[in-house]
Amino acid sequence: MLSARHETFCLEYVIDLNGSAAYQRAYPKVKAPGAARTGAARLLANVSVRERVAELQLARAARSDTTHEWVLERLKHEAEFEGQGASHAARVSALALIAKHLGMFKPVPVPDRPPIDLSQIPDDLKRALLAGLRALRGPGAPG
């Protein structure tokens, strides 16, 4: 059983899927964006909250007679549409949404490395690196 505030958060979250905004609407005294972001992440990590959000999303989809297949079909149609009134940006956006839905974009792990201390690099090596970069950019390139 969710508290009244958690239920309010869930109802607000399914409006626009913006956790920070939903948190601020459910907890109006929270004004700091960082606090709202942290609070939303905490609530969305709660299994009961996630289950309630899923219930609300399914209910909305049923009311609007919208299915995953229907959405994907419409996005596919938009991605393939060319000719009068077609938009390259709309095609790219549709393809990106399809790929995201299908899990084609996996986050790339970034290794934890300490920052490079540029003061430890000899000046002659810095000059050589800069000269190499300028050569790669070609003549007339800025910087």
N, C-alpha and C. Protein backbone atom coordinates (compact mmCIF):
# COMPACT_ATOMS: atom_id res chain seq x y z
N MET A 1 0.85 -1.18 0.00
CA MET A 1 0.00 0.00 0.00
C MET A 1 0.89 1.24 0.00
N LEU A 2 0.64 2.12 -0.93
CA LEU A 2 1.42 3.34 -1.04
C LEU A 2 0.84 4.44 -0.16
N SER A 3 1.71 5.33 0.29
CA SER A 3 1.23 6.51 1.02
C SER A 3 0.53 7.43 0.02
N ALA A 4 -0.19 8.40 0.55
CA ALA A 4 -0.90 9.35 -0.33
C ALA A 4 0.09 10.11 -1.21
N ARG A 5 1.24 10.49 -0.65
CA ARG A 5 2.25 11.24 -1.42
C ARG A 5 2.85 10.36 -2.51
N HIS A 6 3.10 9.10 -2.19
CA HIS A 6 3.65 8.19 -3.20
C HIS A 6 2.65 7.98 -4.33
N GLU A 7 1.40 7.84 -3.99
CA GLU A 7 0.35 7.69 -5.00
C GLU A 7 0.28 8.94 -5.87
N THR A 8 0.35 10.11 -5.24
CA THR A 8 0.34 11.36 -6.00
C THR A 8 1.54 11.41 -6.94
N PHE A 9 2.71 11.01 -6.44
CA PHE A 9 3.90 10.98 -7.29
C PHE A 9 3.66 10.08 -8.50
N CYS A 10 3.11 8.90 -8.30
CA CYS A 10 2.86 7.96 -9.40
C CYS A 10 1.91 8.58 -10.42
N LEU A 11 0.83 9.19 -9.93
CA LEU A 11 -0.14 9.81 -10.84
C LEU A 11 0.49 10.95 -11.63
N GLU A 12 1.33 11.72 -10.98
CA GLU A 12 2.01 12.82 -11.66
C GLU A 12 3.08 12.30 -12.62
N TYR A 13 3.77 11.25 -12.24
CA TYR A 13 4.85 10.71 -13.07
C TYR A 13 4.34 10.21 -14.42
N VAL A 14 3.18 9.55 -14.42
CA VAL A 14 2.68 9.00 -15.69
C VAL A 14 2.19 10.10 -16.64
N ILE A 15 2.04 11.31 -16.16
CA ILE A 15 1.62 12.41 -17.04
C ILE A 15 2.69 12.70 -18.08
N ASP A 16 3.94 12.85 -17.63
CA ASP A 16 5.00 13.23 -18.57
C ASP A 16 6.29 12.42 -18.42
N LEU A 17 6.29 11.44 -17.51
CA LEU A 17 7.45 10.59 -17.25
C LEU A 17 8.69 11.40 -16.85
N ASN A 18 8.45 12.54 -16.23
CA ASN A 18 9.54 13.38 -15.74
C ASN A 18 9.55 13.25 -14.22
N GLY A 19 10.51 12.49 -13.71
CA GLY A 19 10.56 12.20 -12.29
C GLY A 19 10.72 13.43 -11.42
N SER A 20 11.63 14.33 -11.82
CA SER A 20 11.86 15.54 -11.02
C SER A 20 10.60 16.40 -10.95
N ALA A 21 9.97 16.61 -12.10
CA ALA A 21 8.76 17.43 -12.13
C ALA A 21 7.64 16.77 -11.33
N ALA A 22 7.49 15.46 -11.46
CA ALA A 22 6.46 14.74 -10.71
C ALA A 22 6.71 14.85 -9.21
N TYR A 23 7.97 14.76 -8.82
CA TYR A 23 8.32 14.87 -7.40
C TYR A 23 7.97 16.26 -6.88
N GLN A 24 8.28 17.28 -7.66
CA GLN A 24 7.97 18.64 -7.22
C GLN A 24 6.47 18.89 -7.17
N ARG A 25 5.71 18.24 -8.05
CA ARG A 25 4.25 18.40 -7.99
C ARG A 25 3.67 17.62 -6.80
N ALA A 26 4.26 16.48 -6.47
CA ALA A 26 3.77 15.69 -5.33
C ALA A 26 4.24 16.26 -4.00
N TYR A 27 5.42 16.87 -4.02
CA TYR A 27 6.00 17.46 -2.81
C TYR A 27 6.30 18.93 -3.10
N PRO A 28 5.29 19.79 -3.08
CA PRO A 28 5.45 21.18 -3.51
C PRO A 28 6.46 21.99 -2.70
N LYS A 29 6.78 21.57 -1.48
CA LYS A 29 7.76 22.30 -0.67
C LYS A 29 9.18 22.09 -1.17
N VAL A 30 9.39 21.05 -1.97
CA VAL A 30 10.73 20.79 -2.51
C VAL A 30 10.93 21.68 -3.72
N LYS A 31 11.86 22.61 -3.62
CA LYS A 31 12.10 23.57 -4.71
C LYS A 31 13.41 23.30 -5.44
N ALA A 32 14.39 22.73 -4.76
CA ALA A 32 15.71 22.52 -5.36
C ALA A 32 15.65 21.39 -6.38
N PRO A 33 16.09 21.64 -7.61
CA PRO A 33 16.07 20.59 -8.64
C PRO A 33 16.85 19.35 -8.24
N GLY A 34 17.97 19.53 -7.58
CA GLY A 34 18.77 18.37 -7.16
C GLY A 34 18.03 17.50 -6.16
N ALA A 35 17.35 18.14 -5.23
CA ALA A 35 16.59 17.39 -4.23
C ALA A 35 15.42 16.65 -4.89
N ALA A 36 14.77 17.29 -5.86
CA ALA A 36 13.67 16.65 -6.57
C ALA A 36 14.17 15.47 -7.38
N ARG A 37 15.31 15.64 -8.03
CA ARG A 37 15.89 14.56 -8.83
C ARG A 37 16.25 13.36 -7.94
N THR A 38 16.86 13.64 -6.79
CA THR A 38 17.24 12.58 -5.86
C THR A 38 16.00 11.89 -5.29
N GLY A 39 15.02 12.67 -4.91
CA GLY A 39 13.79 12.11 -4.37
C GLY A 39 13.05 11.25 -5.39
N ALA A 40 13.01 11.72 -6.63
CA ALA A 40 12.34 10.95 -7.69
C ALA A 40 13.08 9.64 -7.94
N ALA A 41 14.40 9.69 -7.96
CA ALA A 41 15.19 8.46 -8.17
C ALA A 41 14.94 7.47 -7.04
N ARG A 42 14.87 7.98 -5.82
CA ARG A 42 14.61 7.12 -4.66
C ARG A 42 13.24 6.46 -4.79
N LEU A 43 12.23 7.25 -5.15
CA LEU A 43 10.88 6.68 -5.28
C LEU A 43 10.80 5.69 -6.44
N LEU A 44 11.44 6.02 -7.55
CA LEU A 44 11.37 5.12 -8.71
C LEU A 44 12.17 3.84 -8.48
N ALA A 45 13.03 3.82 -7.48
CA ALA A 45 13.74 2.59 -7.12
C ALA A 45 12.87 1.69 -6.23
N ASN A 46 11.80 2.25 -5.71
CA ASN A 46 10.89 1.51 -4.84
C ASN A 46 10.01 0.59 -5.69
N VAL A 47 10.03 -0.71 -5.37
CA VAL A 47 9.30 -1.70 -6.16
C VAL A 47 7.81 -1.39 -6.21
N SER A 48 7.23 -1.00 -5.08
CA SER A 48 5.79 -0.70 -5.04
C SER A 48 5.44 0.48 -5.94
N VAL A 49 6.30 1.48 -5.95
CA VAL A 49 6.07 2.66 -6.80
C VAL A 49 6.17 2.25 -8.26
N ARG A 50 7.20 1.47 -8.61
CA ARG A 50 7.35 1.04 -10.01
C ARG A 50 6.16 0.20 -10.46
N GLU A 51 5.67 -0.67 -9.58
CA GLU A 51 4.50 -1.49 -9.93
C GLU A 51 3.27 -0.63 -10.16
N ARG A 52 3.09 0.38 -9.31
CA ARG A 52 1.93 1.27 -9.45
C ARG A 52 2.02 2.09 -10.74
N VAL A 53 3.22 2.57 -11.07
CA VAL A 53 3.42 3.31 -12.32
C VAL A 53 3.09 2.40 -13.50
N ALA A 54 3.53 1.16 -13.46
CA ALA A 54 3.23 0.21 -14.55
C ALA A 54 1.72 -0.01 -14.67
N GLU A 55 1.03 -0.14 -13.53
CA GLU A 55 -0.44 -0.30 -13.55
C GLU A 55 -1.10 0.90 -14.22
N LEU A 56 -0.68 2.08 -13.82
CA LEU A 56 -1.26 3.30 -14.38
C LEU A 56 -0.99 3.42 -15.87
N GLN A 57 0.20 3.05 -16.30
CA GLN A 57 0.52 3.11 -17.72
C GLN A 57 -0.31 2.10 -18.52
N LEU A 58 -0.49 0.90 -17.97
CA LEU A 58 -1.32 -0.10 -18.65
C LEU A 58 -2.77 0.37 -18.75
N ALA A 59 -3.25 0.97 -17.68
CA ALA A 59 -4.64 1.46 -17.68
C ALA A 59 -4.80 2.56 -18.72
N ARG A 60 -3.84 3.45 -18.80
CA ARG A 60 -3.90 4.53 -19.80
C ARG A 60 -3.87 3.95 -21.21
N ALA A 61 -3.00 2.99 -21.44
CA ALA A 61 -2.91 2.37 -22.76
C ALA A 61 -4.22 1.67 -23.13
N ALA A 62 -4.84 1.00 -22.15
CA ALA A 62 -6.12 0.32 -22.42
C ALA A 62 -7.21 1.33 -22.74
N ARG A 63 -7.24 2.44 -22.01
CA ARG A 63 -8.26 3.47 -22.26
C ARG A 63 -8.11 4.08 -23.64
N SER A 64 -6.88 4.24 -24.07
CA SER A 64 -6.67 4.88 -25.37
C SER A 64 -6.56 3.86 -26.50
N ASP A 65 -6.74 2.58 -26.17
CA ASP A 65 -6.65 1.51 -27.16
C ASP A 65 -5.30 1.56 -27.89
N THR A 66 -4.24 1.81 -27.12
CA THR A 66 -2.90 1.92 -27.68
C THR A 66 -2.07 0.73 -27.20
N THR A 67 -1.40 0.10 -28.13
CA THR A 67 -0.54 -1.03 -27.79
C THR A 67 0.88 -0.73 -28.24
N HIS A 68 1.81 -1.51 -27.75
CA HIS A 68 3.20 -1.37 -28.19
C HIS A 68 3.30 -1.56 -29.70
N GLU A 69 2.56 -2.55 -30.19
CA GLU A 69 2.61 -2.84 -31.62
C GLU A 69 2.11 -1.65 -32.44
N TRP A 70 1.03 -1.03 -31.98
CA TRP A 70 0.47 0.11 -32.70
C TRP A 70 1.48 1.25 -32.75
N VAL A 71 2.09 1.56 -31.60
CA VAL A 71 3.07 2.64 -31.53
C VAL A 71 4.25 2.34 -32.44
N LEU A 72 4.77 1.12 -32.37
CA LEU A 72 5.91 0.76 -33.22
C LEU A 72 5.55 0.82 -34.70
N GLU A 73 4.34 0.41 -35.03
CA GLU A 73 3.90 0.47 -36.44
C GLU A 73 3.83 1.92 -36.93
N ARG A 74 3.30 2.81 -36.09
CA ARG A 74 3.23 4.22 -36.47
C ARG A 74 4.62 4.82 -36.59
N LEU A 75 5.50 4.48 -35.67
CA LEU A 75 6.88 4.97 -35.75
C LEU A 75 7.57 4.44 -37.01
N LYS A 76 7.32 3.18 -37.32
CA LYS A 76 7.91 2.58 -38.53
C LYS A 76 7.39 3.31 -39.77
N HIS A 77 6.11 3.59 -39.79
CA HIS A 77 5.52 4.32 -40.91
C HIS A 77 6.18 5.68 -41.06
N GLU A 78 6.36 6.39 -39.94
CA GLU A 78 7.00 7.71 -39.97
C GLU A 78 8.44 7.61 -40.43
N ALA A 79 9.14 6.58 -39.98
CA ALA A 79 10.55 6.40 -40.34
C ALA A 79 10.71 6.13 -41.83
N GLU A 80 9.72 5.50 -42.44
CA GLU A 80 9.81 5.13 -43.86
C GLU A 80 9.16 6.14 -44.79
N PHE A 81 8.46 7.14 -44.23
CA PHE A 81 7.71 8.08 -45.04
C PHE A 81 8.65 9.04 -45.77
N GLU A 82 8.48 9.13 -47.07
CA GLU A 82 9.24 10.06 -47.90
C GLU A 82 8.28 10.74 -48.85
N GLY A 83 8.70 11.86 -49.41
CA GLY A 83 7.86 12.55 -50.37
C GLY A 83 7.31 13.83 -49.79
N GLN A 84 6.21 14.29 -50.40
CA GLN A 84 5.58 15.55 -50.01
C GLN A 84 5.24 15.55 -48.52
N GLY A 85 5.73 16.55 -47.81
CA GLY A 85 5.44 16.67 -46.39
C GLY A 85 6.32 15.83 -45.48
N ALA A 86 7.26 15.09 -46.06
CA ALA A 86 8.14 14.24 -45.25
C ALA A 86 9.19 15.10 -44.56
N SER A 87 9.64 14.63 -43.43
CA SER A 87 10.64 15.36 -42.66
C SER A 87 11.78 14.42 -42.30
N HIS A 88 12.99 14.81 -42.68
CA HIS A 88 14.16 14.01 -42.33
C HIS A 88 14.29 13.90 -40.80
N ALA A 89 14.05 14.99 -40.11
CA ALA A 89 14.16 15.00 -38.65
C ALA A 89 13.15 14.03 -38.03
N ALA A 90 11.94 13.97 -38.59
CA ALA A 90 10.93 13.06 -38.07
C ALA A 90 11.34 11.61 -38.31
N ARG A 91 11.94 11.33 -39.46
CA ARG A 91 12.40 9.96 -39.74
C ARG A 91 13.49 9.55 -38.76
N VAL A 92 14.44 10.44 -38.55
CA VAL A 92 15.54 10.12 -37.63
C VAL A 92 15.01 9.94 -36.21
N SER A 93 14.10 10.81 -35.79
CA SER A 93 13.52 10.71 -34.46
C SER A 93 12.76 9.40 -34.29
N ALA A 94 11.98 9.03 -35.30
CA ALA A 94 11.22 7.77 -35.23
C ALA A 94 12.16 6.58 -35.14
N LEU A 95 13.21 6.58 -35.95
CA LEU A 95 14.18 5.48 -35.89
C LEU A 95 14.86 5.41 -34.53
N ALA A 96 15.19 6.56 -33.97
CA ALA A 96 15.84 6.58 -32.66
C ALA A 96 14.91 6.02 -31.58
N LEU A 97 13.63 6.37 -31.64
CA LEU A 97 12.68 5.86 -30.66
C LEU A 97 12.49 4.35 -30.79
N ILE A 98 12.43 3.87 -32.02
CA ILE A 98 12.30 2.42 -32.24
C ILE A 98 13.53 1.70 -31.69
N ALA A 99 14.71 2.21 -32.03
CA ALA A 99 15.95 1.57 -31.58
C ALA A 99 16.04 1.59 -30.05
N LYS A 100 15.65 2.69 -29.45
CA LYS A 100 15.68 2.79 -27.99
C LYS A 100 14.72 1.78 -27.37
N HIS A 101 13.52 1.67 -27.93
CA HIS A 101 12.53 0.73 -27.42
C HIS A 101 13.03 -0.71 -27.52
N LEU A 102 13.72 -1.01 -28.60
CA LEU A 102 14.22 -2.36 -28.81
C LEU A 102 15.53 -2.64 -28.07
N GLY A 103 16.03 -1.63 -27.35
CA GLY A 103 17.25 -1.82 -26.56
C GLY A 103 18.51 -1.85 -27.38
N MET A 104 18.49 -1.19 -28.52
CA MET A 104 19.67 -1.20 -29.39
C MET A 104 20.77 -0.26 -28.92
N PHE A 105 20.41 0.72 -28.08
CA PHE A 105 21.41 1.66 -27.57
C PHE A 105 21.77 1.27 -26.15
N LYS A 106 22.90 0.62 -26.01
CA LYS A 106 23.37 0.21 -24.70
C LYS A 106 24.38 1.25 -24.20
N PRO A 107 24.31 1.59 -22.93
CA PRO A 107 25.30 2.53 -22.41
C PRO A 107 26.70 1.94 -22.47
N VAL A 108 27.64 2.77 -22.85
CA VAL A 108 29.03 2.34 -22.93
C VAL A 108 29.70 2.67 -21.61
N PRO A 109 30.26 1.65 -20.93
CA PRO A 109 30.90 1.94 -19.65
C PRO A 109 32.14 2.81 -19.84
N VAL A 110 32.28 3.78 -18.97
CA VAL A 110 33.45 4.67 -19.01
C VAL A 110 34.37 4.25 -17.87
N PRO A 111 35.60 3.90 -18.20
CA PRO A 111 36.50 3.45 -17.13
C PRO A 111 36.82 4.58 -16.16
N ASP A 112 36.95 4.22 -14.90
CA ASP A 112 37.35 5.20 -13.89
C ASP A 112 38.85 5.42 -13.98
N ARG A 113 39.22 6.61 -14.35
CA ARG A 113 40.63 6.96 -14.44
C ARG A 113 40.83 8.30 -13.75
N PRO A 114 41.95 8.45 -13.09
CA PRO A 114 42.22 9.77 -12.50
C PRO A 114 42.46 10.79 -13.61
N PRO A 115 42.15 12.04 -13.38
CA PRO A 115 42.39 13.06 -14.40
C PRO A 115 43.89 13.19 -14.69
N ILE A 116 44.19 13.58 -15.90
CA ILE A 116 45.58 13.77 -16.30
C ILE A 116 46.07 15.09 -15.74
N ASP A 117 47.20 15.05 -15.06
CA ASP A 117 47.81 16.26 -14.52
C ASP A 117 48.70 16.85 -15.60
N LEU A 118 48.21 17.88 -16.28
CA LEU A 118 48.95 18.49 -17.39
C LEU A 118 50.25 19.13 -16.95
N SER A 119 50.36 19.48 -15.68
CA SER A 119 51.61 20.08 -15.21
C SER A 119 52.76 19.07 -15.21
N GLN A 120 52.42 17.78 -15.27
CA GLN A 120 53.45 16.75 -15.27
C GLN A 120 53.98 16.44 -16.68
N ILE A 121 53.31 16.97 -17.71
CA ILE A 121 53.74 16.71 -19.10
C ILE A 121 54.78 17.77 -19.48
N PRO A 122 55.93 17.34 -19.99
CA PRO A 122 56.97 18.29 -20.38
C PRO A 122 56.47 19.24 -21.48
N ASP A 123 56.95 20.49 -21.43
CA ASP A 123 56.52 21.51 -22.39
C ASP A 123 56.79 21.10 -23.84
N ASP A 124 57.92 20.46 -24.11
CA ASP A 124 58.23 20.08 -25.49
C ASP A 124 57.22 19.04 -26.00
N LEU A 125 56.75 18.15 -25.14
CA LEU A 125 55.75 17.16 -25.54
C LEU A 125 54.41 17.84 -25.79
N LYS A 126 54.05 18.82 -24.94
CA LYS A 126 52.80 19.57 -25.16
C LYS A 126 52.84 20.26 -26.52
N ARG A 127 53.97 20.90 -26.84
CA ARG A 127 54.09 21.60 -28.14
C ARG A 127 53.96 20.60 -29.29
N ALA A 128 54.57 19.43 -29.15
CA ALA A 128 54.51 18.42 -30.21
C ALA A 128 53.08 17.91 -30.39
N LEU A 129 52.37 17.71 -29.29
CA LEU A 129 50.97 17.26 -29.38
C LEU A 129 50.10 18.31 -30.05
N LEU A 130 50.28 19.58 -29.69
CA LEU A 130 49.51 20.65 -30.31
C LEU A 130 49.82 20.76 -31.80
N ALA A 131 51.08 20.62 -32.17
CA ALA A 131 51.45 20.67 -33.59
C ALA A 131 50.79 19.52 -34.35
N GLY A 132 50.76 18.36 -33.74
CA GLY A 132 50.11 17.20 -34.38
C GLY A 132 48.63 17.42 -34.57
N LEU A 133 47.98 18.00 -33.55
CA LEU A 133 46.55 18.29 -33.67
C LEU A 133 46.28 19.32 -34.76
N ARG A 134 47.11 20.34 -34.83
CA ARG A 134 46.94 21.36 -35.87
C ARG A 134 47.11 20.74 -37.26
N ALA A 135 48.06 19.84 -37.38
CA ALA A 135 48.29 19.18 -38.68
C ALA A 135 47.08 18.32 -39.07
N LEU A 136 46.45 17.69 -38.10
CA LEU A 136 45.28 16.88 -38.39
C LEU A 136 44.09 17.73 -38.84
N ARG A 137 43.95 18.91 -38.25
CA ARG A 137 42.84 19.79 -38.60
C ARG A 137 42.98 20.35 -40.02
N GLY A 138 44.18 20.49 -40.46
CA GLY A 138 44.41 21.00 -41.81
C GLY A 138 44.59 22.51 -41.82
N PRO A 139 45.00 23.03 -42.96
CA PRO A 139 45.25 24.48 -43.06
C PRO A 139 43.94 25.26 -42.96
N GLY A 140 44.03 26.40 -42.30
CA GLY A 140 42.86 27.29 -42.22
C GLY A 140 41.89 26.93 -41.13
N ALA A 141 42.11 25.83 -40.41
CA ALA A 141 41.20 25.45 -39.33
C ALA A 141 41.43 26.35 -38.13
N PRO A 142 40.38 26.68 -37.40
CA PRO A 142 40.55 27.55 -36.23
C PRO A 142 41.34 26.87 -35.13
N GLY A 143 42.01 27.68 -34.31
CA GLY A 143 42.67 27.20 -33.12
C GLY A 143 43.95 26.55 -33.33
